[in-house]
Amino acid sequence: MTNSLSSSLRSFALTSISLLPICGISLGLNPSLAEANISSSQERVVVKQKLIAELTATPASNLSGVYKCNDGGTYYVRQNGNNLWWYGESGDGVGWTNIFKGTIRGNDINGNWIDVPKGNNKGAGVMNIRVSNGKLISTYKTGGFSGSEWTRQ
């Protein structure tokens, strides 16, 4: 993240934090930060620090590699900065094949997936993934995506 963008995010967090609990705006961040009932100056400082940490979090360590998933597929993952891409295919390579592009923020990855014509499926959707204990774990998905836990090989 560039210094200018990082400074902008910090400035936004510092000037906007007092509005979050009043407006109920979560901006896709940790819901407890937006829903907190902040009553003291000390609590405001703690919430500001947490929000800044979440907004400027360093991406998880390099996630590039080959992963096996609990849907029986193999996923070829490439991380490039804060972007994560994959190509995934079923065990036979034709039942389904998909691609995913997501943005990494700390240990969370939010993105979109779509089936590609090599396979028979024609689904698409959004997916949120959490990096936890060296695994990728889906926390939200749409479009009928069946896999939910990826383990690096």
Protein backbone atom coordinates (compact mmCIF):
# COMPACT_ATOMS: atom_id res chain seq x y z
CA MET A 1 0.00 0.00 0.00
CA THR A 2 1.38 3.37 -0.93
CA ASN A 3 2.16 5.88 1.82
CA SER A 4 -0.42 8.29 0.38
CA LEU A 5 -3.19 5.68 0.44
CA SER A 6 -2.15 4.54 3.91
CA SER A 7 -2.25 8.12 5.17
CA SER A 8 -5.65 8.65 3.57
CA LEU A 9 -7.04 5.54 5.25
CA ARG A 10 -5.67 6.62 8.64
CA SER A 11 -7.12 10.10 8.19
CA PHE A 12 -10.48 8.66 7.18
CA ALA A 13 -10.48 6.30 10.16
CA LEU A 14 -9.57 9.03 12.61
CA THR A 15 -12.15 11.52 11.35
CA SER A 16 -14.95 9.01 10.79
CA ILE A 17 -14.74 6.73 13.83
CA SER A 18 -17.18 8.71 15.96
CA LEU A 19 -19.84 8.43 13.23
CA LEU A 20 -19.69 4.66 12.90
CA PRO A 21 -21.62 3.76 16.06
CA ILE A 22 -24.17 6.51 15.46
CA CYS A 23 -24.81 5.67 11.81
CA GLY A 24 -24.37 1.91 12.14
CA ILE A 25 -21.99 1.89 9.18
CA SER A 26 -19.68 -1.09 9.12
CA LEU A 27 -17.90 -0.57 5.78
CA GLY A 28 -17.38 -4.33 5.70
CA LEU A 29 -15.13 -4.14 8.72
CA ASN A 30 -15.32 -6.00 11.99
CA PRO A 31 -19.00 -5.56 13.00
CA SER A 32 -18.12 -5.05 16.66
CA LEU A 33 -16.28 -1.87 15.71
CA ALA A 34 -19.33 -0.35 14.03
CA GLU A 35 -21.83 -1.50 16.65
CA ALA A 36 -19.80 -0.59 19.72
CA ASN A 37 -21.46 1.74 22.18
CA ILE A 38 -18.54 4.04 22.85
CA SER A 39 -19.00 6.04 26.01
CA SER A 40 -15.55 7.22 27.06
CA SER A 41 -12.56 8.89 25.44
CA GLN A 42 -10.39 5.88 26.31
CA GLU A 43 -12.81 3.52 24.53
CA ARG A 44 -12.79 5.81 21.47
CA VAL A 45 -8.99 5.62 21.32
CA VAL A 46 -9.05 1.81 21.49
CA VAL A 47 -11.69 1.56 18.76
CA LYS A 48 -9.75 4.02 16.57
CA GLN A 49 -6.60 1.92 16.96
CA LYS A 50 -8.47 -1.28 16.06
CA LEU A 51 -10.08 0.34 13.02
CA ILE A 52 -6.76 1.71 11.78
CA ALA A 53 -5.14 -1.71 12.23
CA GLU A 54 -7.94 -3.37 10.27
CA LEU A 55 -7.88 -0.81 7.46
CA THR A 56 -4.10 -0.92 7.04
CA ALA A 57 -3.48 -4.60 7.82
CA THR A 58 -0.63 -6.26 5.97
CA PRO A 59 -1.75 -9.09 3.71
CA ALA A 60 -1.36 -12.61 5.03
CA SER A 61 1.96 -14.26 4.22
CA ASN A 62 2.42 -15.45 0.66
CA LEU A 63 -0.55 -17.70 -0.13
CA SER A 64 0.67 -18.83 -3.57
CA GLY A 65 0.73 -22.59 -4.07
CA VAL A 66 -1.31 -25.67 -4.87
CA TYR A 67 -4.27 -26.39 -2.59
CA LYS A 68 -6.60 -29.35 -2.15
CA CYS A 69 -10.16 -28.55 -1.19
CA ASN A 70 -12.91 -30.46 0.59
CA ASP A 71 -14.87 -30.40 -2.69
CA GLY A 72 -12.32 -32.86 -4.16
CA GLY A 73 -10.74 -30.23 -6.37
CA THR A 74 -7.26 -28.88 -6.87
CA TYR A 75 -6.69 -25.12 -6.81
CA TYR A 76 -3.68 -23.31 -8.24
CA VAL A 77 -3.37 -20.10 -6.18
CA ARG A 78 -1.31 -17.01 -6.95
CA GLN A 79 -0.94 -14.04 -4.65
CA ASN A 80 0.27 -10.76 -6.14
CA GLY A 81 0.42 -8.08 -3.45
CA ASN A 82 -3.11 -7.68 -2.07
CA ASN A 83 -4.65 -9.67 -4.92
CA LEU A 84 -5.34 -13.40 -4.87
CA TRP A 85 -6.19 -15.39 -7.97
CA TRP A 86 -6.90 -19.07 -8.46
CA TYR A 87 -7.78 -21.62 -11.07
CA GLY A 88 -9.63 -24.59 -9.61
CA GLU A 89 -10.77 -27.84 -11.17
CA SER A 90 -12.60 -30.98 -10.12
CA GLY A 91 -10.68 -34.23 -9.73
CA ASP A 92 -11.48 -35.25 -13.32
CA GLY A 93 -10.85 -31.74 -14.68
CA VAL A 94 -14.18 -31.53 -16.51
CA GLY A 95 -16.92 -31.71 -13.88
CA TRP A 96 -16.25 -28.09 -12.98
CA THR A 97 -13.50 -25.54 -13.43
CA ASN A 98 -13.47 -22.05 -11.97
CA ILE A 99 -11.43 -18.93 -11.44
CA PHE A 100 -11.43 -16.56 -8.50
CA LYS A 101 -10.09 -13.06 -8.01
CA GLY A 102 -10.07 -11.57 -4.54
CA THR A 103 -8.61 -8.72 -2.55
CA ILE A 104 -6.69 -9.50 0.63
CA ARG A 105 -7.11 -7.33 3.71
CA GLY A 106 -5.30 -8.80 6.69
CA ASN A 107 -6.53 -12.37 7.04
CA ASP A 108 -9.69 -11.79 5.00
CA ILE A 109 -10.12 -12.24 1.26
CA ASN A 110 -13.19 -10.92 -0.55
CA GLY A 111 -13.78 -11.62 -4.22
CA ASN A 112 -15.70 -13.15 -7.08
CA TRP A 113 -15.59 -16.59 -8.66
CA ILE A 114 -16.93 -17.89 -11.97
CA ASP A 115 -16.96 -21.26 -13.71
CA VAL A 116 -15.04 -21.40 -17.00
CA PRO A 117 -15.94 -23.45 -20.11
CA LYS A 118 -13.42 -26.25 -19.58
CA GLY A 119 -15.88 -27.73 -17.08
CA ASN A 120 -19.61 -28.44 -17.31
CA ASN A 121 -20.85 -26.01 -14.62
CA LYS A 122 -21.85 -22.44 -15.38
CA GLY A 123 -22.07 -20.86 -11.93
CA ALA A 124 -20.77 -17.58 -10.55
CA GLY A 125 -20.89 -15.69 -7.28
CA VAL A 126 -19.10 -13.86 -4.53
CA MET A 127 -16.98 -15.39 -1.81
CA ASN A 128 -15.39 -14.27 1.44
CA ILE A 129 -12.48 -16.32 2.76
CA ARG A 130 -10.56 -16.24 6.04
CA VAL A 131 -6.91 -17.30 6.30
CA SER A 132 -6.68 -19.39 9.46
CA ASN A 133 -3.99 -21.80 10.66
CA GLY A 134 -2.47 -22.08 7.20
CA LYS A 135 -5.81 -22.88 5.56
CA LEU A 136 -8.27 -20.90 3.49
CA ILE A 137 -11.78 -21.16 4.94
CA SER A 138 -14.88 -19.83 3.21
CA THR A 139 -17.01 -17.65 5.50
CA TYR A 140 -19.60 -16.60 2.90
CA LYS A 141 -20.35 -17.66 -0.67
CA THR A 142 -23.09 -17.45 -3.27
CA GLY A 143 -23.84 -19.17 -6.56
CA GLY A 144 -23.69 -22.78 -5.39
CA PHE A 145 -19.94 -23.01 -4.80
CA SER A 146 -19.42 -26.27 -2.87
CA GLY A 147 -15.88 -26.02 -1.50
CA SER A 148 -15.26 -24.44 1.87
CA GLU A 149 -11.77 -25.38 3.11
CA TRP A 150 -8.49 -25.35 1.19
CA THR A 151 -5.25 -26.88 2.44
CA ARG A 152 -1.88 -26.09 0.84
CA GLN A 153 -0.07 -29.14 -0.50
